[in-house]
Amino acid sequence: MITREDLLQSTEYWEQQVQLEIYNCASRFMEQHKMNRTMLANYLGVSKGFVSQLLSGNYNYSLSKLIEISVKLGYRPDFTFKPLTSEDNQTKMLCNEQLLHLQC
């Protein structure tokens, strides 16, 4: 069984958190603007394949591309770097959700 400490040390966990955040931003944007994937691709100036990857969480693009997409979606990126040993309530909640998912 994976522990909270193991999860916090996992780069995959943190990548998933960023992917989930950009997915949520893109989904909200599409819903608010009544867009489908093709329309979103045209708006962002990317391929439909890129949007599919973005919405499936199956991507690993550069930091500059992530920032470019977030700004086009109307969101400012907000990166905070904290020591792995310090946990806030949001991190605890995310870890607990991820640990529950992994146990299922």
C-alpha atoms as a PDB file:
ATOM      1  CA  MET A   1       0.000   0.000   0.000  1.00  0.00           C
ATOM      2  CA  ILE A   2       1.312   3.439  -0.889  1.00  0.00           C
ATOM      3  CA  THR A   3       1.730   5.930   1.926  1.00  0.00           C
ATOM      4  CA  ARG A   4       1.026   9.641   1.915  1.00  0.00           C
ATOM      5  CA  GLU A   5       4.771  10.302   2.080  1.00  0.00           C
ATOM      6  CA  ASP A   6       5.371   8.073  -0.952  1.00  0.00           C
ATOM      7  CA  LEU A   7       2.623   9.859  -2.842  1.00  0.00           C
ATOM      8  CA  LEU A   8       4.055  13.289  -2.067  1.00  0.00           C
ATOM      9  CA  GLN A   9       7.462  12.124  -3.314  1.00  0.00           C
ATOM     10  CA  SER A  10       5.985  10.906  -6.602  1.00  0.00           C
ATOM     11  CA  THR A  11       6.530  13.199  -9.581  1.00  0.00           C
ATOM     12  CA  GLU A  12       3.650  11.424 -11.326  1.00  0.00           C
ATOM     13  CA  TYR A  13       1.290  12.573  -8.573  1.00  0.00           C
ATOM     14  CA  TRP A  14       2.230  16.227  -9.050  1.00  0.00           C
ATOM     15  CA  GLU A  15       2.057  15.928 -12.853  1.00  0.00           C
ATOM     16  CA  GLN A  16      -1.459  14.531 -12.510  1.00  0.00           C
ATOM     17  CA  GLN A  17      -2.459  17.463 -10.318  1.00  0.00           C
ATOM     18  CA  VAL A  18      -1.325  19.948 -12.981  1.00  0.00           C
ATOM     19  CA  GLN A  19      -3.005  17.931 -15.737  1.00  0.00           C
ATOM     20  CA  LEU A  20      -6.229  17.836 -13.741  1.00  0.00           C
ATOM     21  CA  GLU A  21      -6.119  21.580 -13.225  1.00  0.00           C
ATOM     22  CA  ILE A  22      -5.636  22.385 -16.929  1.00  0.00           C
ATOM     23  CA  TYR A  23      -8.356  19.852 -17.785  1.00  0.00           C
ATOM     24  CA  ASN A  24     -10.759  21.604 -15.402  1.00  0.00           C
ATOM     25  CA  CYS A  25      -9.899  24.999 -16.911  1.00  0.00           C
ATOM     26  CA  ALA A  26     -10.428  23.732 -20.462  1.00  0.00           C
ATOM     27  CA  SER A  27     -13.697  21.997 -19.575  1.00  0.00           C
ATOM     28  CA  ARG A  28     -15.083  25.093 -17.850  1.00  0.00           C
ATOM     29  CA  PHE A  29     -14.033  27.258 -20.803  1.00  0.00           C
ATOM     30  CA  MET A  30     -15.712  24.909 -23.292  1.00  0.00           C
ATOM     31  CA  GLU A  31     -18.896  24.827 -21.237  1.00  0.00           C
ATOM     32  CA  GLN A  32     -19.012  28.600 -20.717  1.00  0.00           C
ATOM     33  CA  HIS A  33     -18.432  29.309 -24.403  1.00  0.00           C
ATOM     34  CA  LYS A  34     -20.540  26.426 -25.749  1.00  0.00           C
ATOM     35  CA  MET A  35     -17.535  24.957 -27.576  1.00  0.00           C
ATOM     36  CA  ASN A  36     -16.773  21.454 -28.728  1.00  0.00           C
ATOM     37  CA  ARG A  37     -13.243  20.059 -29.043  1.00  0.00           C
ATOM     38  CA  THR A  38     -12.814  21.231 -32.630  1.00  0.00           C
ATOM     39  CA  MET A  39     -13.883  24.753 -31.768  1.00  0.00           C
ATOM     40  CA  LEU A  40     -11.531  24.789 -28.774  1.00  0.00           C
ATOM     41  CA  ALA A  41      -8.645  23.590 -30.962  1.00  0.00           C
ATOM     42  CA  ASN A  42      -9.304  26.409 -33.430  1.00  0.00           C
ATOM     43  CA  TYR A  43      -9.544  28.963 -30.638  1.00  0.00           C
ATOM     44  CA  LEU A  44      -6.286  27.813 -29.048  1.00  0.00           C
ATOM     45  CA  GLY A  45      -4.529  27.464 -32.391  1.00  0.00           C
ATOM     46  CA  VAL A  46      -3.674  23.825 -31.793  1.00  0.00           C
ATOM     47  CA  SER A  47      -4.617  20.523 -33.375  1.00  0.00           C
ATOM     48  CA  LYS A  48      -7.676  18.498 -32.410  1.00  0.00           C
ATOM     49  CA  GLY A  49      -5.242  15.812 -31.288  1.00  0.00           C
ATOM     50  CA  PHE A  50      -3.659  18.252 -28.848  1.00  0.00           C
ATOM     51  CA  VAL A  51      -7.066  19.048 -27.356  1.00  0.00           C
ATOM     52  CA  SER A  52      -7.839  15.336 -27.073  1.00  0.00           C
ATOM     53  CA  GLN A  53      -4.584  14.791 -25.217  1.00  0.00           C
ATOM     54  CA  LEU A  54      -5.252  17.801 -23.008  1.00  0.00           C
ATOM     55  CA  LEU A  55      -8.717  16.569 -22.085  1.00  0.00           C
ATOM     56  CA  SER A  56      -7.612  12.984 -21.549  1.00  0.00           C
ATOM     57  CA  GLY A  57      -4.718  13.959 -19.274  1.00  0.00           C
ATOM     58  CA  ASN A  58      -2.378  12.175 -21.657  1.00  0.00           C
ATOM     59  CA  TYR A  59       0.147  14.895 -22.365  1.00  0.00           C
ATOM     60  CA  ASN A  60       3.462  16.191 -21.145  1.00  0.00           C
ATOM     61  CA  TYR A  61       4.062  19.522 -22.813  1.00  0.00           C
ATOM     62  CA  SER A  62       6.533  22.213 -21.945  1.00  0.00           C
ATOM     63  CA  LEU A  63       5.971  24.742 -19.216  1.00  0.00           C
ATOM     64  CA  SER A  64       5.734  27.512 -21.819  1.00  0.00           C
ATOM     65  CA  LYS A  65       2.966  25.622 -23.683  1.00  0.00           C
ATOM     66  CA  LEU A  66       1.091  25.037 -20.440  1.00  0.00           C
ATOM     67  CA  ILE A  67       1.270  28.750 -19.627  1.00  0.00           C
ATOM     68  CA  GLU A  68       0.236  29.716 -23.166  1.00  0.00           C
ATOM     69  CA  ILE A  69      -2.844  27.475 -23.003  1.00  0.00           C
ATOM     70  CA  SER A  70      -3.865  28.621 -19.518  1.00  0.00           C
ATOM     71  CA  VAL A  71      -3.646  32.289 -20.537  1.00  0.00           C
ATOM     72  CA  LYS A  72      -5.706  31.664 -23.693  1.00  0.00           C
ATOM     73  CA  LEU A  73      -8.310  29.955 -21.510  1.00  0.00           C
ATOM     74  CA  GLY A  74      -8.451  33.058 -19.319  1.00  0.00           C
ATOM     75  CA  TYR A  75      -6.536  31.697 -16.349  1.00  0.00           C
ATOM     76  CA  ARG A  76      -3.275  32.858 -14.871  1.00  0.00           C
ATOM     77  CA  PRO A  77      -0.863  30.137 -13.863  1.00  0.00           C
ATOM     78  CA  ASP A  78      -0.114  30.135 -10.169  1.00  0.00           C
ATOM     79  CA  PHE A  79       2.840  27.963  -9.228  1.00  0.00           C
ATOM     80  CA  THR A  80       3.845  27.609  -5.625  1.00  0.00           C
ATOM     81  CA  PHE A  81       6.830  25.598  -4.522  1.00  0.00           C
ATOM     82  CA  LYS A  82       6.741  24.340  -0.957  1.00  0.00           C
ATOM     83  CA  PRO A  83       8.889  21.888   0.957  1.00  0.00           C
ATOM     84  CA  LEU A  84       7.552  18.343   0.621  1.00  0.00           C
ATOM     85  CA  THR A  85       7.454  18.101   4.386  1.00  0.00           C
ATOM     86  CA  SER A  86       4.956  20.938   4.783  1.00  0.00           C
ATOM     87  CA  GLU A  87       1.332  20.133   4.080  1.00  0.00           C
ATOM     88  CA  ASP A  88      -1.587  22.466   3.842  1.00  0.00           C
ATOM     89  CA  ASN A  89      -5.241  21.412   3.961  1.00  0.00           C
ATOM     90  CA  GLN A  90      -5.570  21.301   0.173  1.00  0.00           C
ATOM     91  CA  THR A  91      -2.578  18.988  -0.186  1.00  0.00           C
ATOM     92  CA  LYS A  92      -3.941  16.728   2.549  1.00  0.00           C
ATOM     93  CA  MET A  93      -7.300  16.572   0.805  1.00  0.00           C
ATOM     94  CA  LEU A  94      -5.727  15.811  -2.584  1.00  0.00           C
ATOM     95  CA  CYS A  95      -3.510  13.128  -1.085  1.00  0.00           C
ATOM     96  CA  ASN A  96      -6.424  11.502   0.700  1.00  0.00           C
ATOM     97  CA  GLU A  97      -8.462  11.441  -2.516  1.00  0.00           C
ATOM     98  CA  GLN A  98      -5.545   9.948  -4.447  1.00  0.00           C
ATOM     99  CA  LEU A  99      -4.868   7.344  -1.753  1.00  0.00           C
ATOM    100  CA  LEU A 100      -8.527   6.310  -1.755  1.00  0.00           C
ATOM    101  CA  HIS A 101      -8.439   6.004  -5.546  1.00  0.00           C
ATOM    102  CA  LEU A 102      -5.319   3.849  -5.427  1.00  0.00           C
ATOM    103  CA  GLN A 103      -6.857   1.533  -2.847  1.00  0.00           C
ATOM    104  CA  CYS A 104      -9.977   0.895  -4.942  1.00  0.00           C
END
